[in-house]
Amino acid sequence: MALSYKARRRWSLFILLIGLPVYIVAAVSILNWLDRPPLVIELLVYVVLGVIWALPFKAIFRGVGKADPEAEDR
């Protein structure tokens, strides 16, 4: 079932304002529990985690910054 433009906008705001900070805290906490890896490995892990979080939400974020395609032309 496809989400409407308004629903995608609301979900994208929720994901960015609530979900992303929770994901960041979880990723940092898990990495801190492990023994501190070398700086290059740690940086690589953060870069990979920074890209991976957005992949499941690609469909929600697509086109959100554009004008509402379902709105009447004014």
Protein backbone atom coordinates (compact mmCIF):
# COMPACT_ATOMS: atom_id res chain seq x y z
CA MET A 1 0.00 0.00 0.00
CA ALA A 2 1.50 3.32 -1.06
CA LEU A 3 1.58 6.17 1.42
CA SER A 4 0.16 9.54 0.52
CA TYR A 5 2.43 12.56 0.23
CA LYS A 6 1.24 13.95 3.59
CA ALA A 7 1.80 10.61 5.31
CA ARG A 8 5.31 10.34 3.86
CA ARG A 9 6.10 13.88 5.06
CA ARG A 10 4.88 13.09 8.56
CA TRP A 11 6.76 9.81 8.71
CA SER A 12 9.95 11.41 7.41
CA LEU A 13 9.75 14.10 10.12
CA PHE A 14 9.16 11.46 12.77
CA ILE A 15 12.09 9.38 11.52
CA LEU A 16 14.44 12.38 11.40
CA LEU A 17 13.41 13.95 14.72
CA ILE A 18 12.83 10.84 16.85
CA GLY A 19 14.24 7.78 15.10
CA LEU A 20 17.59 9.13 13.97
CA PRO A 21 18.70 10.44 17.39
CA VAL A 22 17.66 7.12 18.98
CA TYR A 23 19.64 5.25 16.31
CA ILE A 24 22.69 7.46 16.89
CA VAL A 25 22.60 6.93 20.66
CA ALA A 26 22.22 3.17 20.17
CA ALA A 27 25.09 2.97 17.66
CA VAL A 28 27.43 5.00 19.88
CA SER A 29 26.46 3.03 22.97
CA ILE A 30 27.08 -0.32 21.28
CA LEU A 31 30.43 0.84 19.92
CA ASN A 32 31.45 2.11 23.38
CA TRP A 33 30.65 -1.27 24.97
CA LEU A 34 33.17 -2.90 22.66
CA ASP A 35 36.88 -2.51 23.21
CA ARG A 36 37.97 0.64 21.45
CA PRO A 37 39.02 -0.36 17.92
CA PRO A 38 41.65 1.54 15.92
CA LEU A 39 40.53 4.99 14.80
CA VAL A 40 40.26 4.03 11.12
CA ILE A 41 38.05 1.02 11.89
CA GLU A 42 35.87 3.09 14.21
CA LEU A 43 35.46 5.77 11.55
CA LEU A 44 34.57 3.14 8.96
CA VAL A 45 31.93 1.64 11.27
CA TYR A 46 30.35 5.06 11.85
CA VAL A 47 30.30 5.82 8.11
CA VAL A 48 28.70 2.46 7.30
CA LEU A 49 26.12 2.87 10.06
CA GLY A 50 25.44 6.41 8.86
CA VAL A 51 24.52 5.13 5.41
CA ILE A 52 22.71 1.95 6.42
CA TRP A 53 20.05 3.68 8.53
CA ALA A 54 18.57 5.49 5.51
CA LEU A 55 18.28 2.52 3.16
CA PRO A 56 15.03 1.07 4.59
CA PHE A 57 13.44 4.53 4.50
CA LYS A 58 14.40 5.47 0.95
CA ALA A 59 10.82 5.15 -0.29
CA ILE A 60 9.53 7.43 2.47
CA PHE A 61 12.10 10.16 1.86
CA ARG A 62 11.81 10.14 -1.94
CA GLY A 63 10.10 13.31 -3.19
CA VAL A 64 9.30 14.77 0.23
CA GLY A 65 11.15 18.02 -0.47
CA LYS A 66 9.21 18.69 -3.65
CA ALA A 67 5.78 20.23 -4.02
CA ASP A 68 2.77 18.05 -3.23
CA PRO A 69 1.91 16.22 -6.46
CA GLU A 70 -1.64 15.60 -5.21
CA ALA A 71 -2.35 19.28 -4.48
CA GLU A 72 -4.41 21.43 -6.79
CA ASP A 73 -2.44 23.67 -9.13
CA ARG A 74 -2.70 27.26 -7.95
